[in-house]
Amino acid sequence: MNGKFTQTDGLKEKCEQEKVILAQMKKLINVMKPGLSKQMTYHSMTHDTKKNQIMQNDIYNRLNEIEKKLINNEMQIYAIQQYIEARGAETNLQGMIMESMTVCNDINMEIIKRSLSV
């Protein structure tokens, strides 16, 4: 351990230099802070004014209503699609058709056997 930390003076000096730099940056930021705060307030007020103007616009209101209707219609379309898919699965008659064909073939074969044996 004794041999590893031989340059502590250099590290202390770097630390002190960094403290000075950070203190200068802090002073600069404190000088800039009120100006930035004023700019932020100005832009916030401008934004709120524009937002209110847009919200009071008839076209904006109509677009909002149309968007709500579209969302509602999309939900209804999705519900209808789900219903159709469910009903389609319930009314899948392919298996019943194949079973009926098999029974018909069995009956026909039995009739043919009986007619040949008579």
PDB file of N, CA and C in Angstrom:
ATOM      1  N   MET A   1       0.819  -1.194   0.000  1.00  0.00           N
ATOM      2  CA  MET A   1       0.000   0.000   0.000  1.00  0.00           C
ATOM      3  C   MET A   1       0.868   1.265   0.000  1.00  0.00           C
ATOM      4  N   ASN A   2       1.991   1.187   0.646  1.00  0.00           N
ATOM      5  CA  ASN A   2       2.819   2.389   0.749  1.00  0.00           C
ATOM      6  C   ASN A   2       3.333   2.836  -0.612  1.00  0.00           C
ATOM      7  N   GLY A   3       3.658   1.909  -1.497  1.00  0.00           N
ATOM      8  CA  GLY A   3       4.213   2.247  -2.795  1.00  0.00           C
ATOM      9  C   GLY A   3       3.162   2.691  -3.799  1.00  0.00           C
ATOM     10  N   LYS A   4       1.911   2.408  -3.561  1.00  0.00           N
ATOM     11  CA  LYS A   4       0.870   2.693  -4.533  1.00  0.00           C
ATOM     12  C   LYS A   4       0.421   4.146  -4.531  1.00  0.00           C
ATOM     13  N   PHE A   5       0.442   4.808  -3.440  1.00  0.00           N
ATOM     14  CA  PHE A   5      -0.062   6.174  -3.335  1.00  0.00           C
ATOM     15  C   PHE A   5       1.082   7.154  -3.071  1.00  0.00           C
ATOM     16  N   THR A   6       1.987   7.205  -4.005  1.00  0.00           N
ATOM     17  CA  THR A   6       3.144   8.097  -3.838  1.00  0.00           C
ATOM     18  C   THR A   6       2.901   9.475  -4.418  1.00  0.00           C
ATOM     19  N   GLN A   7       1.873   9.619  -5.258  1.00  0.00           N
ATOM     20  CA  GLN A   7       1.623  10.904  -5.926  1.00  0.00           C
ATOM     21  C   GLN A   7       0.399  11.609  -5.349  1.00  0.00           C
ATOM     22  N   THR A   8       0.230  11.601  -4.074  1.00  0.00           N
ATOM     23  CA  THR A   8      -0.941  12.224  -3.461  1.00  0.00           C
ATOM     24  C   THR A   8      -0.922  13.733  -3.613  1.00  0.00           C
ATOM     25  N   ASP A   9       0.265  14.320  -3.644  1.00  0.00           N
ATOM     26  CA  ASP A   9       0.343  15.786  -3.803  1.00  0.00           C
ATOM     27  C   ASP A   9      -0.218  16.211  -5.158  1.00  0.00           C
ATOM     28  N   GLY A  10       0.104  15.463  -6.205  1.00  0.00           N
ATOM     29  CA  GLY A  10      -0.409  15.764  -7.548  1.00  0.00           C
ATOM     30  C   GLY A  10      -1.923  15.623  -7.614  1.00  0.00           C
ATOM     31  N   LEU A  11      -2.448  14.594  -6.960  1.00  0.00           N
ATOM     32  CA  LEU A  11      -3.900  14.386  -6.941  1.00  0.00           C
ATOM     33  C   LEU A  11      -4.605  15.502  -6.178  1.00  0.00           C
ATOM     34  N   LYS A  12      -4.002  15.942  -5.054  1.00  0.00           N
ATOM     35  CA  LYS A  12      -4.586  17.043  -4.289  1.00  0.00           C
ATOM     36  C   LYS A  12      -4.606  18.315  -5.107  1.00  0.00           C
ATOM     37  N   GLU A  13      -3.541  18.546  -5.856  1.00  0.00           N
ATOM     38  CA  GLU A  13      -3.461  19.756  -6.687  1.00  0.00           C
ATOM     39  C   GLU A  13      -4.519  19.724  -7.786  1.00  0.00           C
ATOM     40  N   LYS A  14      -4.703  18.563  -8.425  1.00  0.00           N
ATOM     41  CA  LYS A  14      -5.746  18.422  -9.458  1.00  0.00           C
ATOM     42  C   LYS A  14      -7.128  18.646  -8.869  1.00  0.00           C
ATOM     43  N   CYS A  15      -7.326  18.136  -7.665  1.00  0.00           N
ATOM     44  CA  CYS A  15      -8.614  18.304  -6.984  1.00  0.00           C
ATOM     45  C   CYS A  15      -8.881  19.775  -6.706  1.00  0.00           C
ATOM     46  N   GLU A  16      -7.880  20.484  -6.250  1.00  0.00           N
ATOM     47  CA  GLU A  16      -8.039  21.914  -5.968  1.00  0.00           C
ATOM     48  C   GLU A  16      -8.335  22.700  -7.250  1.00  0.00           C
ATOM     49  N   GLN A  17      -7.642  22.344  -8.349  1.00  0.00           N
ATOM     50  CA  GLN A  17      -7.892  23.008  -9.628  1.00  0.00           C
ATOM     51  C   GLN A  17      -9.326  22.763 -10.091  1.00  0.00           C
ATOM     52  N   GLU A  18      -9.792  21.545  -9.919  1.00  0.00           N
ATOM     53  CA  GLU A  18     -11.163  21.222 -10.330  1.00  0.00           C
ATOM     54  C   GLU A  18     -12.174  21.966  -9.474  1.00  0.00           C
ATOM     55  N   LYS A  19     -11.884  22.118  -8.173  1.00  0.00           N
ATOM     56  CA  LYS A  19     -12.766  22.895  -7.297  1.00  0.00           C
ATOM     57  C   LYS A  19     -12.867  24.333  -7.773  1.00  0.00           C
ATOM     58  N   VAL A  20     -11.747  24.927  -8.169  1.00  0.00           N
ATOM     59  CA  VAL A  20     -11.736  26.310  -8.656  1.00  0.00           C
ATOM     60  C   VAL A  20     -12.565  26.419  -9.931  1.00  0.00           C
ATOM     61  N   ILE A  21     -12.361  25.472 -10.851  1.00  0.00           N
ATOM     62  CA  ILE A  21     -13.126  25.488 -12.113  1.00  0.00           C
ATOM     63  C   ILE A  21     -14.614  25.357 -11.835  1.00  0.00           C
ATOM     64  N   LEU A  22     -14.986  24.446 -10.943  1.00  0.00           N
ATOM     65  CA  LEU A  22     -16.404  24.254 -10.622  1.00  0.00           C
ATOM     66  C   LEU A  22     -16.994  25.489  -9.939  1.00  0.00           C
ATOM     67  N   ALA A  23     -16.226  26.148  -9.088  1.00  0.00           N
ATOM     68  CA  ALA A  23     -16.703  27.375  -8.443  1.00  0.00           C
ATOM     69  C   ALA A  23     -16.937  28.467  -9.476  1.00  0.00           C
ATOM     70  N   GLN A  24     -16.036  28.573 -10.480  1.00  0.00           N
ATOM     71  CA  GLN A  24     -16.233  29.564 -11.539  1.00  0.00           C
ATOM     72  C   GLN A  24     -17.467  29.247 -12.374  1.00  0.00           C
ATOM     73  N   MET A  25     -17.670  27.975 -12.649  1.00  0.00           N
ATOM     74  CA  MET A  25     -18.857  27.576 -13.406  1.00  0.00           C
ATOM     75  C   MET A  25     -20.131  27.893 -12.624  1.00  0.00           C
ATOM     76  N   LYS A  26     -20.076  27.681 -11.307  1.00  0.00           N
ATOM     77  CA  LYS A  26     -21.242  27.965 -10.472  1.00  0.00           C
ATOM     78  C   LYS A  26     -21.572  29.452 -10.503  1.00  0.00           C
ATOM     79  N   LYS A  27     -20.534  30.306 -10.433  1.00  0.00           N
ATOM     80  CA  LYS A  27     -20.754  31.756 -10.504  1.00  0.00           C
ATOM     81  C   LYS A  27     -21.373  32.140 -11.835  1.00  0.00           C
ATOM     82  N   LEU A  28     -20.860  31.563 -12.937  1.00  0.00           N
ATOM     83  CA  LEU A  28     -21.383  31.856 -14.264  1.00  0.00           C
ATOM     84  C   LEU A  28     -22.841  31.422 -14.391  1.00  0.00           C
ATOM     85  N   ILE A  29     -23.145  30.259 -13.871  1.00  0.00           N
ATOM     86  CA  ILE A  29     -24.525  29.760 -13.931  1.00  0.00           C
ATOM     87  C   ILE A  29     -25.444  30.650 -13.109  1.00  0.00           C
ATOM     88  N   ASN A  30     -24.990  31.088 -11.940  1.00  0.00           N
ATOM     89  CA  ASN A  30     -25.814  31.974 -11.114  1.00  0.00           C
ATOM     90  C   ASN A  30     -26.069  33.308 -11.805  1.00  0.00           C
ATOM     91  N   VAL A  31     -25.103  33.782 -12.617  1.00  0.00           N
ATOM     92  CA  VAL A  31     -25.301  35.021 -13.373  1.00  0.00           C
ATOM     93  C   VAL A  31     -26.325  34.805 -14.480  1.00  0.00           C
ATOM     94  N   MET A  32     -26.279  33.640 -15.137  1.00  0.00           N
ATOM     95  CA  MET A  32     -27.166  33.350 -16.262  1.00  0.00           C
ATOM     96  C   MET A  32     -28.576  32.967 -15.814  1.00  0.00           C
ATOM     97  N   LYS A  33     -28.735  32.488 -14.602  1.00  0.00           N
ATOM     98  CA  LYS A  33     -30.005  31.946 -14.120  1.00  0.00           C
ATOM     99  C   LYS A  33     -31.168  32.935 -14.227  1.00  0.00           C
ATOM    100  N   PRO A  34     -31.050  34.189 -13.782  1.00  0.00           N
ATOM    101  CA  PRO A  34     -32.203  35.101 -13.889  1.00  0.00           C
ATOM    102  C   PRO A  34     -32.620  35.363 -15.347  1.00  0.00           C
ATOM    103  N   GLY A  35     -31.654  35.510 -16.244  1.00  0.00           N
ATOM    104  CA  GLY A  35     -31.976  35.725 -17.657  1.00  0.00           C
ATOM    105  C   GLY A  35     -32.704  34.533 -18.253  1.00  0.00           C
ATOM    106  N   LEU A  36     -32.228  33.335 -17.921  1.00  0.00           N
ATOM    107  CA  LEU A  36     -32.888  32.133 -18.420  1.00  0.00           C
ATOM    108  C   LEU A  36     -34.286  31.992 -17.836  1.00  0.00           C
ATOM    109  N   SER A  37     -34.429  32.371 -16.585  1.00  0.00           N
ATOM    110  CA  SER A  37     -35.745  32.312 -15.947  1.00  0.00           C
ATOM    111  C   SER A  37     -36.721  33.255 -16.642  1.00  0.00           C
ATOM    112  N   LYS A  38     -36.258  34.467 -16.992  1.00  0.00           N
ATOM    113  CA  LYS A  38     -37.111  35.423 -17.702  1.00  0.00           C
ATOM    114  C   LYS A  38     -37.498  34.882 -19.073  1.00  0.00           C
ATOM    115  N   GLN A  39     -36.525  34.298 -19.783  1.00  0.00           N
ATOM    116  CA  GLN A  39     -36.816  33.727 -21.099  1.00  0.00           C
ATOM    117  C   GLN A  39     -37.827  32.590 -20.997  1.00  0.00           C
ATOM    118  N   MET A  40     -37.662  31.761 -19.983  1.00  0.00           N
ATOM    119  CA  MET A  40     -38.580  30.645 -19.794  1.00  0.00           C
ATOM    120  C   MET A  40     -39.996  31.153 -19.524  1.00  0.00           C
ATOM    121  N   THR A  41     -40.109  32.186 -18.685  1.00  0.00           N
ATOM    122  CA  THR A  41     -41.423  32.758 -18.391  1.00  0.00           C
ATOM    123  C   THR A  41     -42.053  33.339 -19.656  1.00  0.00           C
ATOM    124  N   TYR A  42     -41.259  34.049 -20.438  1.00  0.00           N
ATOM    125  CA  TYR A  42     -41.756  34.650 -21.679  1.00  0.00           C
ATOM    126  C   TYR A  42     -42.254  33.565 -22.641  1.00  0.00           C
ATOM    127  N   HIS A  43     -41.447  32.531 -22.834  1.00  0.00           N
ATOM    128  CA  HIS A  43     -41.828  31.463 -23.763  1.00  0.00           C
ATOM    129  C   HIS A  43     -43.029  30.677 -23.239  1.00  0.00           C
ATOM    130  N   SER A  44     -43.109  30.518 -21.950  1.00  0.00           N
ATOM    131  CA  SER A  44     -44.255  29.819 -21.359  1.00  0.00           C
ATOM    132  C   SER A  44     -45.540  30.604 -21.596  1.00  0.00           C
ATOM    133  N   MET A  45     -45.474  31.919 -21.398  1.00  0.00           N
ATOM    134  CA  MET A  45     -46.659  32.750 -21.635  1.00  0.00           C
ATOM    135  C   MET A  45     -47.043  32.737 -23.109  1.00  0.00           C
ATOM    136  N   THR A  46     -46.049  32.811 -23.990  1.00  0.00           N
ATOM    137  CA  THR A  46     -46.321  32.768 -25.435  1.00  0.00           C
ATOM    138  C   THR A  46     -46.972  31.446 -25.809  1.00  0.00           C
ATOM    139  N   HIS A  47     -46.447  30.368 -25.253  1.00  0.00           N
ATOM    140  CA  HIS A  47     -47.000  29.044 -25.528  1.00  0.00           C
ATOM    141  C   HIS A  47     -48.447  28.947 -25.058  1.00  0.00           C
ATOM    142  N   ASP A  48     -48.714  29.414 -23.836  1.00  0.00           N
ATOM    143  CA  ASP A  48     -50.074  29.363 -23.304  1.00  0.00           C
ATOM    144  C   ASP A  48     -51.031  30.195 -24.149  1.00  0.00           C
ATOM    145  N   THR A  49     -50.581  31.351 -24.614  1.00  0.00           N
ATOM    146  CA  THR A  49     -51.418  32.202 -25.448  1.00  0.00           C
ATOM    147  C   THR A  49     -51.765  31.487 -26.753  1.00  0.00           C
ATOM    148  N   LYS A  50     -50.764  30.914 -27.403  1.00  0.00           N
ATOM    149  CA  LYS A  50     -51.003  30.185 -28.659  1.00  0.00           C
ATOM    150  C   LYS A  50     -51.908  28.985 -28.427  1.00  0.00           C
ATOM    151  N   LYS A  51     -51.697  28.304 -27.321  1.00  0.00           N
ATOM    152  CA  LYS A  51     -52.508  27.130 -27.012  1.00  0.00           C
ATOM    153  C   LYS A  51     -53.972  27.526 -26.842  1.00  0.00           C
ATOM    154  N   ASN A  52     -54.226  28.619 -26.131  1.00  0.00           N
ATOM    155  CA  ASN A  52     -55.596  29.092 -25.947  1.00  0.00           C
ATOM    156  C   ASN A  52     -56.226  29.511 -27.271  1.00  0.00           C
ATOM    157  N   GLN A  53     -55.443  30.152 -28.128  1.00  0.00           N
ATOM    158  CA  GLN A  53     -55.962  30.555 -29.431  1.00  0.00           C
ATOM    159  C   GLN A  53     -56.345  29.340 -30.264  1.00  0.00           C
ATOM    160  N   ILE A  54     -55.500  28.323 -30.220  1.00  0.00           N
ATOM    161  CA  ILE A  54     -55.792  27.108 -30.985  1.00  0.00           C
ATOM    162  C   ILE A  54     -57.031  26.422 -30.437  1.00  0.00           C
ATOM    163  N   MET A  55     -57.133  26.333 -29.110  1.00  0.00           N
ATOM    164  CA  MET A  55     -58.265  25.634 -28.496  1.00  0.00           C
ATOM    165  C   MET A  55     -59.584  26.351 -28.739  1.00  0.00           C
ATOM    166  N   GLN A  56     -59.534  27.640 -28.973  1.00  0.00           N
ATOM    167  CA  GLN A  56     -60.758  28.385 -29.234  1.00  0.00           C
ATOM    168  C   GLN A  56     -61.125  28.378 -30.711  1.00  0.00           C
ATOM    169  N   ASN A  57     -60.277  27.851 -31.547  1.00  0.00           N
ATOM    170  CA  ASN A  57     -60.511  27.823 -32.975  1.00  0.00           C
ATOM    171  C   ASN A  57     -61.558  26.755 -33.306  1.00  0.00           C
ATOM    172  N   ASP A  58     -62.501  27.092 -34.201  1.00  0.00           N
ATOM    173  CA  ASP A  58     -63.566  26.158 -34.580  1.00  0.00           C
ATOM    174  C   ASP A  58     -63.012  24.924 -35.289  1.00  0.00           C
ATOM    175  N   ILE A  59     -62.042  25.129 -36.138  1.00  0.00           N
ATOM    176  CA  ILE A  59     -61.480  23.997 -36.886  1.00  0.00           C
ATOM    177  C   ILE A  59     -60.844  23.003 -35.922  1.00  0.00           C
ATOM    178  N   TYR A  60     -60.141  23.508 -34.923  1.00  0.00           N
ATOM    179  CA  TYR A  60     -59.526  22.631 -33.923  1.00  0.00           C
ATOM    180  C   TYR A  60     -60.603  21.812 -33.212  1.00  0.00           C
ATOM    181  N   ASN A  61     -61.681  22.470 -32.828  1.00  0.00           N
ATOM    182  CA  ASN A  61     -62.756  21.769 -32.119  1.00  0.00           C
ATOM    183  C   ASN A  61     -63.397  20.711 -33.011  1.00  0.00           C
ATOM    184  N   ARG A  62     -63.615  21.050 -34.282  1.00  0.00           N
ATOM    185  CA  ARG A  62     -64.209  20.072 -35.206  1.00  0.00           C
ATOM    186  C   ARG A  62     -63.268  18.891 -35.424  1.00  0.00           C
ATOM    187  N   LEU A  63     -61.980  19.173 -35.547  1.00  0.00           N
ATOM    188  CA  LEU A  63     -61.018  18.080 -35.711  1.00  0.00           C
ATOM    189  C   LEU A  63     -60.994  17.177 -34.485  1.00  0.00           C
ATOM    190  N   ASN A  64     -61.100  17.762 -33.315  1.00  0.00           N
ATOM    191  CA  ASN A  64     -61.159  16.962 -32.085  1.00  0.00           C
ATOM    192  C   ASN A  64     -62.382  16.061 -32.079  1.00  0.00           C
ATOM    193  N   GLU A  65     -63.525  16.612 -32.484  1.00  0.00           N
ATOM    194  CA  GLU A  65     -64.763  15.813 -32.536  1.00  0.00           C
ATOM    195  C   GLU A  65     -64.629  14.685 -33.544  1.00  0.00           C
ATOM    196  N   ILE A  66     -64.048  14.991 -34.708  1.00  0.00           N
ATOM    197  CA  ILE A  66     -63.866  13.966 -35.736  1.00  0.00           C
ATOM    198  C   ILE A  66     -62.931  12.876 -35.232  1.00  0.00           C
ATOM    199  N   GLU A  67     -61.883  13.290 -34.543  1.00  0.00           N
ATOM    200  CA  GLU A  67     -60.936  12.310 -34.007  1.00  0.00           C
ATOM    201  C   GLU A  67     -61.623  11.390 -33.003  1.00  0.00           C
ATOM    202  N   LYS A  68     -62.463  11.946 -32.144  1.00  0.00           N
ATOM    203  CA  LYS A  68     -63.190  11.127 -31.177  1.00  0.00           C
ATOM    204  C   LYS A  68     -64.120  10.149 -31.889  1.00  0.00           C
ATOM    205  N   LYS A  69     -64.800  10.615 -32.951  1.00  0.00           N
ATOM    206  CA  LYS A  69     -65.682   9.735 -33.716  1.00  0.00           C
ATOM    207  C   LYS A  69     -64.891   8.616 -34.384  1.00  0.00           C
ATOM    208  N   LEU A  70     -63.722   8.964 -34.933  1.00  0.00           N
ATOM    209  CA  LEU A  70     -62.881   7.951 -35.576  1.00  0.00           C
ATOM    210  C   LEU A  70     -62.438   6.892 -34.576  1.00  0.00           C
ATOM    211  N   ILE A  71     -62.050   7.333 -33.401  1.00  0.00           N
ATOM    212  CA  ILE A  71     -61.632   6.381 -32.362  1.00  0.00           C
ATOM    213  C   ILE A  71     -62.791   5.464 -31.998  1.00  0.00           C
ATOM    214  N   ASN A  72     -63.976   6.041 -31.853  1.00  0.00           N
ATOM    215  CA  ASN A  72     -65.159   5.260 -31.528  1.00  0.00           C
ATOM    216  C   ASN A  72     -65.465   4.266 -32.648  1.00  0.00           C
ATOM    217  N   ASN A  73     -65.394   4.729 -33.900  1.00  0.00           N
ATOM    218  CA  ASN A  73     -65.663   3.847 -35.038  1.00  0.00           C
ATOM    219  C   ASN A  73     -64.640   2.719 -35.120  1.00  0.00           C
ATOM    220  N   GLU A  74     -63.384   3.029 -34.858  1.00  0.00           N
ATOM    221  CA  GLU A  74     -62.354   1.990 -34.878  1.00  0.00           C
ATOM    222  C   GLU A  74     -62.628   0.932 -33.816  1.00  0.00           C
ATOM    223  N   MET A  75     -63.078   1.372 -32.648  1.00  0.00           N
ATOM    224  CA  MET A  75     -63.406   0.405 -31.592  1.00  0.00           C
ATOM    225  C   MET A  75     -64.577  -0.473 -32.021  1.00  0.00           C
ATOM    226  N   GLN A  76     -65.588   0.137 -32.655  1.00  0.00           N
ATOM    227  CA  GLN A  76     -66.739  -0.639 -33.112  1.00  0.00           C
ATOM    228  C   GLN A  76     -66.341  -1.617 -34.210  1.00  0.00           C
ATOM    229  N   ILE A  77     -65.486  -1.178 -35.135  1.00  0.00           N
ATOM    230  CA  ILE A  77     -65.024  -2.066 -36.206  1.00  0.00           C
ATOM    231  C   ILE A  77     -64.275  -3.252 -35.607  1.00  0.00           C
ATOM    232  N   TYR A  78     -63.420  -2.969 -34.643  1.00  0.00           N
ATOM    233  CA  TYR A  78     -62.674  -4.053 -34.007  1.00  0.00           C
ATOM    234  C   TYR A  78     -63.621  -5.035 -33.324  1.00  0.00           C
ATOM    235  N   ALA A  79     -64.630  -4.514 -32.616  1.00  0.00           N
ATOM    236  CA  ALA A  79     -65.593  -5.378 -31.931  1.00  0.00           C
ATOM    237  C   ALA A  79     -66.361  -6.227 -32.942  1.00  0.00           C
ATOM    238  N   ILE A  80     -66.747  -5.622 -34.056  1.00  0.00           N
ATOM    239  CA  ILE A  80     -67.481  -6.363 -35.092  1.00  0.00           C
ATOM    240  C   ILE A  80     -66.589  -7.444 -35.699  1.00  0.00           C
ATOM    241  N   GLN A  81     -65.330  -7.115 -35.951  1.00  0.00           N
ATOM    242  CA  GLN A  81     -64.407  -8.124 -36.493  1.00  0.00           C
ATOM    243  C   GLN A  81     -64.259  -9.296 -35.534  1.00  0.00           C
ATOM    244  N   GLN A  82     -64.140  -8.997 -34.249  1.00  0.00           N
ATOM    245  CA  GLN A  82     -64.017 -10.069 -33.258  1.00  0.00           C
ATOM    246  C   GLN A  82     -65.280 -10.930 -33.238  1.00  0.00           C
ATOM    247  N   TYR A  83     -66.440 -10.296 -33.349  1.00  0.00           N
ATOM    248  CA  TYR A  83     -67.710 -11.025 -33.359  1.00  0.00           C
ATOM    249  C   TYR A  83     -67.787 -11.928 -34.590  1.00  0.00           C
ATOM    250  N   ILE A  84     -67.398 -11.385 -35.754  1.00  0.00           N
ATOM    251  CA  ILE A  84     -67.452 -12.173 -36.991  1.00  0.00           C
ATOM    252  C   ILE A  84     -66.513 -13.367 -36.904  1.00  0.00           C
ATOM    253  N   GLU A  85     -65.317 -13.145 -36.383  1.00  0.00           N
ATOM    254  CA  GLU A  85     -64.377 -14.256 -36.236  1.00  0.00           C
ATOM    255  C   GLU A  85     -64.908 -15.319 -35.284  1.00  0.00           C
ATOM    256  N   ALA A  86     -65.535 -14.886 -34.195  1.00  0.00           N
ATOM    257  CA  ALA A  86     -66.087 -15.843 -33.239  1.00  0.00           C
ATOM    258  C   ALA A  86     -67.230 -16.635 -33.868  1.00  0.00           C
ATOM    259  N   ARG A  87     -68.101 -15.945 -34.579  1.00  0.00           N
ATOM    260  CA  ARG A  87     -69.221 -16.621 -35.242  1.00  0.00           C
ATOM    261  C   ARG A  87     -68.711 -17.546 -36.343  1.00  0.00           C
ATOM    262  N   GLY A  88     -67.679 -17.124 -37.036  1.00  0.00           N
ATOM    263  CA  GLY A  88     -67.114 -17.972 -38.087  1.00  0.00           C
ATOM    264  C   GLY A  88     -66.558 -19.262 -37.518  1.00  0.00           C
ATOM    265  N   ALA A  89     -65.926 -19.160 -36.357  1.00  0.00           N
ATOM    266  CA  ALA A  89     -65.394 -20.366 -35.717  1.00  0.00           C
ATOM    267  C   ALA A  89     -66.519 -21.279 -35.254  1.00  0.00           C
ATOM    268  N   GLU A  90     -67.632 -20.681 -34.796  1.00  0.00           N
ATOM    269  CA  GLU A  90     -68.778 -21.470 -34.346  1.00  0.00           C
ATOM    270  C   GLU A  90     -69.468 -22.164 -35.512  1.00  0.00           C
ATOM    271  N   THR A  91     -69.521 -21.518 -36.657  1.00  0.00           N
ATOM    272  CA  THR A  91     -70.262 -22.056 -37.798  1.00  0.00           C
ATOM    273  C   THR A  91     -69.359 -22.755 -38.805  1.00  0.00           C
ATOM    274  N   ASN A  92     -68.178 -23.160 -38.392  1.00  0.00           N
ATOM    275  CA  ASN A  92     -67.287 -23.897 -39.276  1.00  0.00           C
ATOM    276  C   ASN A  92     -67.860 -25.303 -39.441  1.00  0.00           C
ATOM    277  N   LEU A  93     -68.442 -25.557 -40.587  1.00  0.00           N
ATOM    278  CA  LEU A  93     -69.158 -26.811 -40.826  1.00  0.00           C
ATOM    279  C   LEU A  93     -68.328 -27.823 -41.599  1.00  0.00           C
ATOM    280  N   GLN A  94     -67.085 -27.527 -41.877  1.00  0.00           N
ATOM    281  CA  GLN A  94     -66.249 -28.421 -42.682  1.00  0.00           C
ATOM    282  C   GLN A  94     -66.152 -29.811 -42.038  1.00  0.00           C
ATOM    283  N   GLY A  95     -65.978 -29.844 -40.731  1.00  0.00           N
ATOM    284  CA  GLY A  95     -65.884 -31.141 -40.048  1.00  0.00           C
ATOM    285  C   GLY A  95     -67.175 -31.926 -40.157  1.00  0.00           C
ATOM    286  N   MET A  96     -68.301 -31.247 -40.023  1.00  0.00           N
ATOM    287  CA  MET A  96     -69.600 -31.921 -40.122  1.00  0.00           C
ATOM    288  C   MET A  96     -69.838 -32.423 -41.543  1.00  0.00           C
ATOM    289  N   ILE A  97     -69.395 -31.646 -42.527  1.00  0.00           N
ATOM    290  CA  ILE A  97     -69.564 -32.063 -43.924  1.00  0.00           C
ATOM    291  C   ILE A  97     -68.772 -33.345 -44.181  1.00  0.00           C
ATOM    292  N   MET A  98     -67.542 -33.382 -43.708  1.00  0.00           N
ATOM    293  CA  MET A  98     -66.710 -34.566 -43.909  1.00  0.00           C
ATOM    294  C   MET A  98     -67.306 -35.786 -43.206  1.00  0.00           C
ATOM    295  N   GLU A  99     -67.815 -35.586 -42.018  1.00  0.00           N
ATOM    296  CA  GLU A  99     -68.441 -36.688 -41.285  1.00  0.00           C
ATOM    297  C   GLU A  99     -69.677 -37.191 -42.012  1.00  0.00           C
ATOM    298  N   SER A 100     -70.489 -36.277 -42.549  1.00  0.00           N
ATOM    299  CA  SER A 100     -71.690 -36.659 -43.304  1.00  0.00           C
ATOM    300  C   SER A 100     -71.312 -37.433 -44.557  1.00  0.00           C
ATOM    301  N   MET A 101     -70.272 -36.984 -45.226  1.00  0.00           N
ATOM    302  CA  MET A 101     -69.822 -37.684 -46.436  1.00  0.00           C
ATOM    303  C   MET A 101     -69.366 -39.101 -46.100  1.00  0.00           C
ATOM    304  N   THR A 102     -68.693 -39.255 -44.994  1.00  0.00           N
ATOM    305  CA  THR A 102     -68.235 -40.575 -44.573  1.00  0.00           C
ATOM    306  C   THR A 102     -69.429 -41.485 -44.282  1.00  0.00           C
ATOM    307  N   VAL A 103     -70.419 -40.974 -43.575  1.00  0.00           N
ATOM    308  CA  VAL A 103     -71.621 -41.764 -43.264  1.00  0.00           C
ATOM    309  C   VAL A 103     -72.355 -42.137 -44.555  1.00  0.00           C
ATOM    310  N   CYS A 104     -72.478 -41.176 -45.491  1.00  0.00           N
ATOM    311  CA  CYS A 104     -73.144 -41.457 -46.774  1.00  0.00           C
ATOM    312  C   CYS A 104     -72.401 -42.543 -47.541  1.00  0.00           C
ATOM    313  N   ASN A 105     -71.088 -42.459 -47.568  1.00  0.00           N
ATOM    314  CA  ASN A 105     -70.301 -43.484 -48.258  1.00  0.00           C
ATOM    315  C   ASN A 105     -70.486 -44.850 -47.606  1.00  0.00           C
ATOM    316  N   ASP A 106     -70.503 -44.887 -46.286  1.00  0.00           N
ATOM    317  CA  ASP A 106     -70.717 -46.150 -45.574  1.00  0.00           C
ATOM    318  C   ASP A 106     -72.085 -46.741 -45.911  1.00  0.00           C
ATOM    319  N   ILE A 107     -73.109 -45.873 -45.914  1.00  0.00           N
ATOM    320  CA  ILE A 107     -74.466 -46.328 -46.238  1.00  0.00           C
ATOM    321  C   ILE A 107     -74.524 -46.837 -47.680  1.00  0.00           C
ATOM    322  N   ASN A 108     -73.920 -46.118 -48.622  1.00  0.00           N
ATOM    323  CA  ASN A 108     -73.914 -46.543 -50.027  1.00  0.00           C
ATOM    324  C   ASN A 108     -73.208 -47.886 -50.190  1.00  0.00           C
ATOM    325  N   MET A 109     -72.086 -48.046 -49.504  1.00  0.00           N
ATOM    326  CA  MET A 109     -71.367 -49.319 -49.590  1.00  0.00           C
ATOM    327  C   MET A 109     -72.214 -50.456 -49.039  1.00  0.00           C
ATOM    328  N   GLU A 110     -72.926 -50.202 -47.964  1.00  0.00           N
ATOM    329  CA  GLU A 110     -73.788 -51.232 -47.364  1.00  0.00           C
ATOM    330  C   GLU A 110     -74.929 -51.590 -48.316  1.00  0.00           C
ATOM    331  N   ILE A 111     -75.491 -50.585 -48.972  1.00  0.00           N
ATOM    332  CA  ILE A 111     -76.587 -50.824 -49.934  1.00  0.00           C
ATOM    333  C   ILE A 111     -76.067 -51.647 -51.118  1.00  0.00           C
ATOM    334  N   ILE A 112     -74.876 -51.293 -51.599  1.00  0.00           N
ATOM    335  CA  ILE A 112     -74.296 -52.032 -52.719  1.00  0.00           C
ATOM    336  C   ILE A 112     -74.033 -53.485 -52.327  1.00  0.00           C
ATOM    337  N   LYS A 113     -73.522 -53.715 -51.128  1.00  0.00           N
ATOM    338  CA  LYS A 113     -73.253 -55.079 -50.661  1.00  0.00           C
ATOM    339  C   LYS A 113     -74.548 -55.878 -50.579  1.00  0.00           C
ATOM    340  N   ARG A 114     -75.594 -55.281 -50.048  1.00  0.00           N
ATOM    341  CA  ARG A 114     -76.875 -55.988 -49.896  1.00  0.00           C
ATOM    342  C   ARG A 114     -77.509 -56.267 -51.263  1.00  0.00           C
ATOM    343  N   SER A 115     -77.347 -55.304 -52.190  1.00  0.00           N
ATOM    344  CA  SER A 115     -77.971 -55.521 -53.503  1.00  0.00           C
ATOM    345  C   SER A 115     -77.227 -56.605 -54.263  1.00  0.00           C
ATOM    346  N   LEU A 116     -75.924 -56.766 -54.047  1.00  0.00           N
ATOM    347  CA  LEU A 116     -75.161 -57.808 -54.730  1.00  0.00           C
ATOM    348  C   LEU A 116     -75.392 -59.183 -54.109  1.00  0.00           C
ATOM    349  N   SER A 117     -75.667 -59.208 -52.850  1.00  0.00           N
ATOM    350  CA  SER A 117     -75.868 -60.482 -52.180  1.00  0.00           C
ATOM    351  C   SER A 117     -77.288 -61.031 -52.401  1.00  0.00           C
ATOM    352  N   VAL A 118     -78.187 -60.281 -52.888  1.00  0.00           N
ATOM    353  CA  VAL A 118     -79.567 -60.752 -53.099  1.00  0.00           C
ATOM    354  C   VAL A 118     -79.679 -61.568 -54.311  1.00  0.00           C
TER     355      VAL A 118
END
